[in-house]
mmCIF file of all heavy atoms, coordinates in Angstrom:
data_MODEL
# 
_entry.id   MODEL 
# 
loop_
_atom_site.group_PDB 
_atom_site.id 
_atom_site.type_symbol 
_atom_site.label_atom_id 
_atom_site.label_alt_id 
_atom_site.label_comp_id 
_atom_site.label_asym_id 
_atom_site.label_entity_id 
_atom_site.label_seq_id 
_atom_site.pdbx_PDB_ins_code 
_atom_site.Cartn_x 
_atom_site.Cartn_y 
_atom_site.Cartn_z 
_atom_site.occupancy 
_atom_site.B_iso_or_equiv 
_atom_site.pdbx_formal_charge 
_atom_site.auth_seq_id 
_atom_site.auth_comp_id 
_atom_site.auth_asym_id 
_atom_site.auth_atom_id 
_atom_site.pdbx_PDB_model_num 
ATOM 1   N N   . ASP A 1 1  ? 0.827  -1.209 0.000  1.00 0.00 ? 1  ASP A N   1 
ATOM 2   C CA  . ASP A 1 1  ? 0.000  0.000  0.000  1.00 0.00 ? 1  ASP A CA  1 
ATOM 3   C C   . ASP A 1 1  ? 0.862  1.260  0.000  1.00 0.00 ? 1  ASP A C   1 
ATOM 4   O O   . ASP A 1 1  ? 0.530  2.274  -0.648 1.00 0.00 ? 1  ASP A O   1 
ATOM 5   C CB  . ASP A 1 1  ? -0.917 -0.005 1.206  1.00 0.00 ? 1  ASP A CB  1 
ATOM 6   C CG  . ASP A 1 1  ? -1.954 -1.105 1.122  1.00 0.00 ? 1  ASP A CG  1 
ATOM 7   O OD1 . ASP A 1 1  ? -2.209 -1.596 -0.005 1.00 0.00 ? 1  ASP A OD1 1 
ATOM 8   O OD2 . ASP A 1 1  ? -2.490 -1.511 2.180  1.00 0.00 ? 1  ASP A OD2 1 
ATOM 9   N N   . TYR A 1 2  ? 1.970  1.187  0.723  1.00 0.00 ? 2  TYR A N   1 
ATOM 10  C CA  . TYR A 1 2  ? 2.852  2.352  0.812  1.00 0.00 ? 2  TYR A CA  1 
ATOM 11  C C   . TYR A 1 2  ? 3.485  2.653  -0.541 1.00 0.00 ? 2  TYR A C   1 
ATOM 12  O O   . TYR A 1 2  ? 3.584  3.812  -0.956 1.00 0.00 ? 2  TYR A O   1 
ATOM 13  C CB  . TYR A 1 2  ? 3.921  2.085  1.866  1.00 0.00 ? 2  TYR A CB  1 
ATOM 14  C CG  . TYR A 1 2  ? 4.899  3.217  2.035  1.00 0.00 ? 2  TYR A CG  1 
ATOM 15  C CD1 . TYR A 1 2  ? 4.508  4.418  2.635  1.00 0.00 ? 2  TYR A CD1 1 
ATOM 16  C CD2 . TYR A 1 2  ? 6.205  3.085  1.570  1.00 0.00 ? 2  TYR A CD2 1 
ATOM 17  C CE1 . TYR A 1 2  ? 5.406  5.442  2.795  1.00 0.00 ? 2  TYR A CE1 1 
ATOM 18  C CE2 . TYR A 1 2  ? 7.110  4.117  1.726  1.00 0.00 ? 2  TYR A CE2 1 
ATOM 19  C CZ  . TYR A 1 2  ? 6.715  5.298  2.346  1.00 0.00 ? 2  TYR A CZ  1 
ATOM 20  O OH  . TYR A 1 2  ? 7.614  6.327  2.501  1.00 0.00 ? 2  TYR A OH  1 
ATOM 21  N N   . GLU A 1 3  ? 3.896  1.610  -1.230 1.00 0.00 ? 3  GLU A N   1 
ATOM 22  C CA  . GLU A 1 3  ? 4.487  1.816  -2.545 1.00 0.00 ? 3  GLU A CA  1 
ATOM 23  C C   . GLU A 1 3  ? 3.483  2.392  -3.535 1.00 0.00 ? 3  GLU A C   1 
ATOM 24  O O   . GLU A 1 3  ? 3.807  3.256  -4.361 1.00 0.00 ? 3  GLU A O   1 
ATOM 25  C CB  . GLU A 1 3  ? 5.039  0.493  -3.068 1.00 0.00 ? 3  GLU A CB  1 
ATOM 26  C CG  . GLU A 1 3  ? 6.258  0.015  -2.305 1.00 0.00 ? 3  GLU A CG  1 
ATOM 27  C CD  . GLU A 1 3  ? 6.730  -1.338 -2.772 1.00 0.00 ? 3  GLU A CD  1 
ATOM 28  O OE1 . GLU A 1 3  ? 5.977  -1.980 -3.561 1.00 0.00 ? 3  GLU A OE1 1 
ATOM 29  O OE2 . GLU A 1 3  ? 7.822  -1.785 -2.345 1.00 0.00 ? 3  GLU A OE2 1 
ATOM 30  N N   . ARG A 1 4  ? 2.248  1.920  -3.430 1.00 0.00 ? 4  ARG A N   1 
ATOM 31  C CA  . ARG A 1 4  ? 1.221  2.467  -4.338 1.00 0.00 ? 4  ARG A CA  1 
ATOM 32  C C   . ARG A 1 4  ? 0.883  3.916  -3.991 1.00 0.00 ? 4  ARG A C   1 
ATOM 33  O O   . ARG A 1 4  ? 0.613  4.741  -4.864 1.00 0.00 ? 4  ARG A O   1 
ATOM 34  C CB  . ARG A 1 4  ? -0.034 1.603  -4.256 1.00 0.00 ? 4  ARG A CB  1 
ATOM 35  C CG  . ARG A 1 4  ? 0.108  0.247  -4.930 1.00 0.00 ? 4  ARG A CG  1 
ATOM 36  C CD  . ARG A 1 4  ? -1.254 -0.417 -5.117 1.00 0.00 ? 4  ARG A CD  1 
ATOM 37  N NE  . ARG A 1 4  ? -1.920 -0.626 -3.842 1.00 0.00 ? 4  ARG A NE  1 
ATOM 38  C CZ  . ARG A 1 4  ? -1.819 -1.756 -3.148 1.00 0.00 ? 4  ARG A CZ  1 
ATOM 39  N NH1 . ARG A 1 4  ? -1.050 -2.751 -3.596 1.00 0.00 ? 4  ARG A NH1 1 
ATOM 40  N NH2 . ARG A 1 4  ? -2.461 -1.871 -2.017 1.00 0.00 ? 4  ARG A NH2 1 
ATOM 41  N N   . SER A 1 5  ? 0.916  4.169  -2.688 1.00 0.00 ? 5  SER A N   1 
ATOM 42  C CA  . SER A 1 5  ? 0.545  5.525  -2.257 1.00 0.00 ? 5  SER A CA  1 
ATOM 43  C C   . SER A 1 5  ? 1.617  6.555  -2.606 1.00 0.00 ? 5  SER A C   1 
ATOM 44  O O   . SER A 1 5  ? 1.311  7.753  -2.738 1.00 0.00 ? 5  SER A O   1 
ATOM 45  C CB  . SER A 1 5  ? 0.292  5.549  -0.754 1.00 0.00 ? 5  SER A CB  1 
ATOM 46  O OG  . SER A 1 5  ? 1.498  5.269  -0.049 1.00 0.00 ? 5  SER A OG  1 
ATOM 47  N N   . LEU A 1 6  ? 2.881  6.186  -2.766 1.00 0.00 ? 6  LEU A N   1 
ATOM 48  C CA  . LEU A 1 6  ? 3.939  7.122  -3.118 1.00 0.00 ? 6  LEU A CA  1 
ATOM 49  C C   . LEU A 1 6  ? 3.692  7.757  -4.487 1.00 0.00 ? 6  LEU A C   1 
ATOM 50  O O   . LEU A 1 6  ? 3.949  8.961  -4.685 1.00 0.00 ? 6  LEU A O   1 
ATOM 51  C CB  . LEU A 1 6  ? 5.288  6.414  -3.118 1.00 0.00 ? 6  LEU A CB  1 
ATOM 52  C CG  . LEU A 1 6  ? 5.866  6.069  -1.741 1.00 0.00 ? 6  LEU A CG  1 
ATOM 53  C CD1 . LEU A 1 6  ? 7.159  5.288  -1.894 1.00 0.00 ? 6  LEU A CD1 1 
ATOM 54  C CD2 . LEU A 1 6  ? 6.097  7.325  -0.907 1.00 0.00 ? 6  LEU A CD2 1 
ATOM 55  N N   . SER A 1 7  ? 3.219  6.983  -5.418 1.00 0.00 ? 7  SER A N   1 
ATOM 56  C CA  . SER A 1 7  ? 2.950  7.484  -6.758 1.00 0.00 ? 7  SER A CA  1 
ATOM 57  C C   . SER A 1 7  ? 1.548  8.039  -6.923 1.00 0.00 ? 7  SER A C   1 
ATOM 58  O O   . SER A 1 7  ? 1.269  8.736  -7.891 1.00 0.00 ? 7  SER A O   1 
ATOM 59  C CB  . SER A 1 7  ? 3.184  6.378  -7.784 1.00 0.00 ? 7  SER A CB  1 
ATOM 60  O OG  . SER A 1 7  ? 2.328  5.283  -7.499 1.00 0.00 ? 7  SER A OG  1 
ATOM 61  N N   . ALA A 1 8  ? 0.687  7.754  -5.988 1.00 0.00 ? 8  ALA A N   1 
ATOM 62  C CA  . ALA A 1 8  ? -0.707 8.175  -6.142 1.00 0.00 ? 8  ALA A CA  1 
ATOM 63  C C   . ALA A 1 8  ? -1.008 9.475  -5.432 1.00 0.00 ? 8  ALA A C   1 
ATOM 64  O O   . ALA A 1 8  ? -1.568 10.399 -6.006 1.00 0.00 ? 8  ALA A O   1 
ATOM 65  C CB  . ALA A 1 8  ? -1.644 7.083  -5.647 1.00 0.00 ? 8  ALA A CB  1 
ATOM 66  N N   . ASN A 1 9  ? -0.619 9.604  -4.188 1.00 0.00 ? 9  ASN A N   1 
ATOM 67  C CA  . ASN A 1 9  ? -1.111 10.742 -3.400 1.00 0.00 ? 9  ASN A CA  1 
ATOM 68  C C   . ASN A 1 9  ? -0.119 11.044 -2.284 1.00 0.00 ? 9  ASN A C   1 
ATOM 69  O O   . ASN A 1 9  ? 0.311  10.164 -1.556 1.00 0.00 ? 9  ASN A O   1 
ATOM 70  C CB  . ASN A 1 9  ? -2.472 10.379 -2.824 1.00 0.00 ? 9  ASN A CB  1 
ATOM 71  C CG  . ASN A 1 9  ? -3.194 11.601 -2.265 1.00 0.00 ? 9  ASN A CG  1 
ATOM 72  O OD1 . ASN A 1 9  ? -2.558 12.546 -1.814 1.00 0.00 ? 9  ASN A OD1 1 
ATOM 73  N ND2 . ASN A 1 9  ? -4.512 11.565 -2.304 1.00 0.00 ? 9  ASN A ND2 1 
ATOM 74  N N   . ALA A 1 10 ? 0.285  12.275 -2.137 1.00 0.00 ? 10 ALA A N   1 
ATOM 75  C CA  . ALA A 1 10 ? 1.222  12.670 -1.080 1.00 0.00 ? 10 ALA A CA  1 
ATOM 76  C C   . ALA A 1 10 ? 0.535  12.691 0.272  1.00 0.00 ? 10 ALA A C   1 
ATOM 77  O O   . ALA A 1 10 ? 1.149  12.428 1.317  1.00 0.00 ? 10 ALA A O   1 
ATOM 78  C CB  . ALA A 1 10 ? 1.805  14.056 -1.385 1.00 0.00 ? 10 ALA A CB  1 
ATOM 79  N N   . ALA A 1 11 ? -0.780 12.995 0.258  1.00 0.00 ? 11 ALA A N   1 
ATOM 80  C CA  . ALA A 1 11 ? -1.511 13.039 1.534  1.00 0.00 ? 11 ALA A CA  1 
ATOM 81  C C   . ALA A 1 11 ? -1.649 11.645 2.152  1.00 0.00 ? 11 ALA A C   1 
ATOM 82  O O   . ALA A 1 11 ? -1.544 11.463 3.379  1.00 0.00 ? 11 ALA A O   1 
ATOM 83  C CB  . ALA A 1 11 ? -2.906 13.651 1.321  1.00 0.00 ? 11 ALA A CB  1 
ATOM 84  N N   . SER A 1 12 ? -1.868 10.667 1.291  1.00 0.00 ? 12 SER A N   1 
ATOM 85  C CA  . SER A 1 12 ? -2.007 9.308  1.820  1.00 0.00 ? 12 SER A CA  1 
ATOM 86  C C   . SER A 1 12 ? -0.684 8.737  2.302  1.00 0.00 ? 12 SER A C   1 
ATOM 87  O O   . SER A 1 12 ? -0.633 7.781  3.064  1.00 0.00 ? 12 SER A O   1 
ATOM 88  C CB  . SER A 1 12 ? -2.622 8.393  0.762  1.00 0.00 ? 12 SER A CB  1 
ATOM 89  O OG  . SER A 1 12 ? -1.763 8.333  -0.363 1.00 0.00 ? 12 SER A OG  1 
ATOM 90  N N   . GLN A 1 13 ? 0.430  9.404  1.823  1.00 0.00 ? 13 GLN A N   1 
ATOM 91  C CA  . GLN A 1 13 ? 1.739  8.940  2.262  1.00 0.00 ? 13 GLN A CA  1 
ATOM 92  C C   . GLN A 1 13 ? 1.914  9.098  3.771  1.00 0.00 ? 13 GLN A C   1 
ATOM 93  O O   . GLN A 1 13 ? 2.524  8.258  4.433  1.00 0.00 ? 13 GLN A O   1 
ATOM 94  C CB  . GLN A 1 13 ? 2.822  9.708  1.506  1.00 0.00 ? 13 GLN A CB  1 
ATOM 95  C CG  . GLN A 1 13 ? 4.235  9.259  1.860  1.00 0.00 ? 13 GLN A CG  1 
ATOM 96  C CD  . GLN A 1 13 ? 5.282  10.018 1.082  1.00 0.00 ? 13 GLN A CD  1 
ATOM 97  O OE1 . GLN A 1 13 ? 4.958  10.883 0.258  1.00 0.00 ? 13 GLN A OE1 1 
ATOM 98  N NE2 . GLN A 1 13 ? 6.551  9.686  1.338  1.00 0.00 ? 13 GLN A NE2 1 
ATOM 99  N N   . LYS A 1 14 ? 1.397  10.178 4.289  1.00 0.00 ? 14 LYS A N   1 
ATOM 100 C CA  . LYS A 1 14 ? 1.501  10.402 5.736  1.00 0.00 ? 14 LYS A CA  1 
ATOM 101 C C   . LYS A 1 14 ? 0.754  9.328  6.519  1.00 0.00 ? 14 LYS A C   1 
ATOM 102 O O   . LYS A 1 14 ? 1.247  8.788  7.532  1.00 0.00 ? 14 LYS A O   1 
ATOM 103 C CB  . LYS A 1 14 ? 0.957  11.785 6.083  1.00 0.00 ? 14 LYS A CB  1 
ATOM 104 C CG  . LYS A 1 14 ? 1.114  12.144 7.550  1.00 0.00 ? 14 LYS A CG  1 
ATOM 105 C CD  . LYS A 1 14 ? 0.614  13.546 7.800  1.00 0.00 ? 14 LYS A CD  1 
ATOM 106 C CE  . LYS A 1 14 ? 0.785  13.932 9.269  1.00 0.00 ? 14 LYS A CE  1 
ATOM 107 N NZ  . LYS A 1 14 ? 0.298  15.307 9.541  1.00 0.00 ? 14 LYS A NZ  1 
ATOM 108 N N   . ASP A 1 15 ? -0.448 8.985  6.037  1.00 0.00 ? 15 ASP A N   1 
ATOM 109 C CA  . ASP A 1 15 ? -1.210 7.930  6.717  1.00 0.00 ? 15 ASP A CA  1 
ATOM 110 C C   . ASP A 1 15 ? -0.498 6.583  6.661  1.00 0.00 ? 15 ASP A C   1 
ATOM 111 O O   . ASP A 1 15 ? -0.456 5.817  7.645  1.00 0.00 ? 15 ASP A O   1 
ATOM 112 C CB  . ASP A 1 15 ? -2.597 7.804  6.090  1.00 0.00 ? 15 ASP A CB  1 
ATOM 113 C CG  . ASP A 1 15 ? -3.436 9.064  6.284  1.00 0.00 ? 15 ASP A CG  1 
ATOM 114 O OD1 . ASP A 1 15 ? -3.153 9.786  7.290  1.00 0.00 ? 15 ASP A OD1 1 
ATOM 115 O OD2 . ASP A 1 15 ? -4.332 9.308  5.487  1.00 0.00 ? 15 ASP A OD2 1 
ATOM 116 N N   . LEU A 1 16 ? 0.052  6.327  5.499  1.00 0.00 ? 16 LEU A N   1 
ATOM 117 C CA  . LEU A 1 16 ? 0.776  5.061  5.375  1.00 0.00 ? 16 LEU A CA  1 
ATOM 118 C C   . LEU A 1 16 ? 1.985  5.025  6.297  1.00 0.00 ? 16 LEU A C   1 
ATOM 119 O O   . LEU A 1 16 ? 2.336  4.005  6.876  1.00 0.00 ? 16 LEU A O   1 
ATOM 120 C CB  . LEU A 1 16 ? 1.202  4.840  3.919  1.00 0.00 ? 16 LEU A CB  1 
ATOM 121 C CG  . LEU A 1 16 ? 0.077  4.556  2.926  1.00 0.00 ? 16 LEU A CG  1 
ATOM 122 C CD1 . LEU A 1 16 ? 0.633  4.513  1.499  1.00 0.00 ? 16 LEU A CD1 1 
ATOM 123 C CD2 . LEU A 1 16 ? -0.612 3.243  3.261  1.00 0.00 ? 16 LEU A CD2 1 
ATOM 124 N N   . GLN A 1 17 ? 2.651  6.212  6.407  1.00 0.00 ? 17 GLN A N   1 
ATOM 125 C CA  . GLN A 1 17 ? 3.815  6.260  7.278  1.00 0.00 ? 17 GLN A CA  1 
ATOM 126 C C   . GLN A 1 17 ? 3.427  6.023  8.740  1.00 0.00 ? 17 GLN A C   1 
ATOM 127 O O   . GLN A 1 17 ? 4.113  5.306  9.475  1.00 0.00 ? 17 GLN A O   1 
ATOM 128 C CB  . GLN A 1 17 ? 4.496  7.621  7.124  1.00 0.00 ? 17 GLN A CB  1 
ATOM 129 C CG  . GLN A 1 17 ? 5.806  7.719  7.906  1.00 0.00 ? 17 GLN A CG  1 
ATOM 130 C CD  . GLN A 1 17 ? 6.507  9.038  7.651  1.00 0.00 ? 17 GLN A CD  1 
ATOM 131 O OE1 . GLN A 1 17 ? 6.009  9.896  6.927  1.00 0.00 ? 17 GLN A OE1 1 
ATOM 132 N NE2 . GLN A 1 17 ? 7.684  9.194  8.235  1.00 0.00 ? 17 GLN A NE2 1 
ATOM 133 N N   . GLU A 1 18 ? 2.286  6.610  9.142  1.00 0.00 ? 18 GLU A N   1 
ATOM 134 C CA  . GLU A 1 18 ? 1.821  6.387  10.514 1.00 0.00 ? 18 GLU A CA  1 
ATOM 135 C C   . GLU A 1 18 ? 1.465  4.907  10.740 1.00 0.00 ? 18 GLU A C   1 
ATOM 136 O O   . GLU A 1 18 ? 1.778  4.325  11.790 1.00 0.00 ? 18 GLU A O   1 
ATOM 137 C CB  . GLU A 1 18 ? 0.610  7.270  10.792 1.00 0.00 ? 18 GLU A CB  1 
ATOM 138 C CG  . GLU A 1 18 ? 0.951  8.755  10.847 1.00 0.00 ? 18 GLU A CG  1 
ATOM 139 C CD  . GLU A 1 18 ? -0.292 9.617  11.072 1.00 0.00 ? 18 GLU A CD  1 
ATOM 140 O OE1 . GLU A 1 18 ? -1.419 9.034  11.040 1.00 0.00 ? 18 GLU A OE1 1 
ATOM 141 O OE2 . GLU A 1 18 ? -0.148 10.824 11.258 1.00 0.00 ? 18 GLU A OE2 1 
ATOM 142 N N   . ASN A 1 19 ? 0.807  4.326  9.734  1.00 0.00 ? 19 ASN A N   1 
ATOM 143 C CA  . ASN A 1 19 ? 0.485  2.896  9.869  1.00 0.00 ? 19 ASN A CA  1 
ATOM 144 C C   . ASN A 1 19 ? 1.748  2.039  9.951  1.00 0.00 ? 19 ASN A C   1 
ATOM 145 O O   . ASN A 1 19 ? 1.813  1.052  10.693 1.00 0.00 ? 19 ASN A O   1 
ATOM 146 C CB  . ASN A 1 19 ? -0.367 2.431  8.681  1.00 0.00 ? 19 ASN A CB  1 
ATOM 147 C CG  . ASN A 1 19 ? -1.761 3.050  8.700  1.00 0.00 ? 19 ASN A CG  1 
ATOM 148 O OD1 . ASN A 1 19 ? -2.257 3.411  9.775  1.00 0.00 ? 19 ASN A OD1 1 
ATOM 149 N ND2 . ASN A 1 19 ? -2.383 3.199  7.537  1.00 0.00 ? 19 ASN A ND2 1 
ATOM 150 N N   . LEU A 1 20 ? 2.750  2.508  9.155  1.00 0.00 ? 20 LEU A N   1 
ATOM 151 C CA  . LEU A 1 20 ? 3.997  1.764  9.185  1.00 0.00 ? 20 LEU A CA  1 
ATOM 152 C C   . LEU A 1 20 ? 4.680  1.866  10.537 1.00 0.00 ? 20 LEU A C   1 
ATOM 153 O O   . LEU A 1 20 ? 5.206  0.888  11.081 1.00 0.00 ? 20 LEU A O   1 
ATOM 154 C CB  . LEU A 1 20 ? 4.912  2.278  8.074  1.00 0.00 ? 20 LEU A CB  1 
ATOM 155 C CG  . LEU A 1 20 ? 6.252  1.545  7.897  1.00 0.00 ? 20 LEU A CG  1 
ATOM 156 C CD1 . LEU A 1 20 ? 6.001  0.081  7.571  1.00 0.00 ? 20 LEU A CD1 1 
ATOM 157 C CD2 . LEU A 1 20 ? 7.089  2.210  6.813  1.00 0.00 ? 20 LEU A CD2 1 
ATOM 158 N N   . ILE A 1 21 ? 4.657  3.079  11.101 1.00 0.00 ? 21 ILE A N   1 
ATOM 159 C CA  . ILE A 1 21 ? 5.260  3.275  12.427 1.00 0.00 ? 21 ILE A CA  1 
ATOM 160 C C   . ILE A 1 21 ? 4.500  2.462  13.474 1.00 0.00 ? 21 ILE A C   1 
ATOM 161 O O   . ILE A 1 21 ? 5.102  1.820  14.354 1.00 0.00 ? 21 ILE A O   1 
ATOM 162 C CB  . ILE A 1 21 ? 5.265  4.772  12.787 1.00 0.00 ? 21 ILE A CB  1 
ATOM 163 C CG1 . ILE A 1 21 ? 6.222  5.522  11.858 1.00 0.00 ? 21 ILE A CG1 1 
ATOM 164 C CG2 . ILE A 1 21 ? 5.662  4.970  14.258 1.00 0.00 ? 21 ILE A CG2 1 
ATOM 165 C CD1 . ILE A 1 21 ? 6.156  7.029  12.016 1.00 0.00 ? 21 ILE A CD1 1 
ATOM 166 N N   . SER A 1 22 ? 3.184  2.464  13.374 1.00 0.00 ? 22 SER A N   1 
ATOM 167 C CA  . SER A 1 22 ? 2.380  1.673  14.321 1.00 0.00 ? 22 SER A CA  1 
ATOM 168 C C   . SER A 1 22 ? 2.694  0.178  14.201 1.00 0.00 ? 22 SER A C   1 
ATOM 169 O O   . SER A 1 22 ? 2.805  -0.542 15.205 1.00 0.00 ? 22 SER A O   1 
ATOM 170 C CB  . SER A 1 22 ? 0.894  1.928  14.066 1.00 0.00 ? 22 SER A CB  1 
ATOM 171 O OG  . SER A 1 22 ? 0.110  1.119  14.926 1.00 0.00 ? 22 SER A OG  1 
ATOM 172 N N   . ALA A 1 23 ? 2.855  -0.221 12.941 1.00 0.00 ? 23 ALA A N   1 
ATOM 173 C CA  . ALA A 1 23 ? 3.195  -1.629 12.743 1.00 0.00 ? 23 ALA A CA  1 
ATOM 174 C C   . ALA A 1 23 ? 4.557  -1.951 13.320 1.00 0.00 ? 23 ALA A C   1 
ATOM 175 O O   . ALA A 1 23 ? 4.779  -3.022 13.898 1.00 0.00 ? 23 ALA A O   1 
ATOM 176 C CB  . ALA A 1 23 ? 3.140  -1.970 11.255 1.00 0.00 ? 23 ALA A CB  1 
ATOM 177 N N   . LYS A 1 24 ? 5.508  -0.995 13.178 1.00 0.00 ? 24 LYS A N   1 
ATOM 178 C CA  . LYS A 1 24 ? 6.830  -1.223 13.765 1.00 0.00 ? 24 LYS A CA  1 
ATOM 179 C C   . LYS A 1 24 ? 6.757  -1.309 15.281 1.00 0.00 ? 24 LYS A C   1 
ATOM 180 O O   . LYS A 1 24 ? 7.420  -2.144 15.904 1.00 0.00 ? 24 LYS A O   1 
ATOM 181 C CB  . LYS A 1 24 ? 7.780  -0.092 13.339 1.00 0.00 ? 24 LYS A CB  1 
ATOM 182 C CG  . LYS A 1 24 ? 8.161  -0.140 11.866 1.00 0.00 ? 24 LYS A CG  1 
ATOM 183 C CD  . LYS A 1 24 ? 9.015  1.064  11.470 1.00 0.00 ? 24 LYS A CD  1 
ATOM 184 C CE  . LYS A 1 24 ? 10.345 1.017  12.189 1.00 0.00 ? 24 LYS A CE  1 
ATOM 185 N NZ  . LYS A 1 24 ? 11.216 2.157  11.813 1.00 0.00 ? 24 LYS A NZ  1 
# 
């Protein structure tokens, strides 16, 4: 999802990053 979001939307990148941090 993060890889798809990098090319699709900068706003969704922040959400993905938060999800990634939560997952970490």
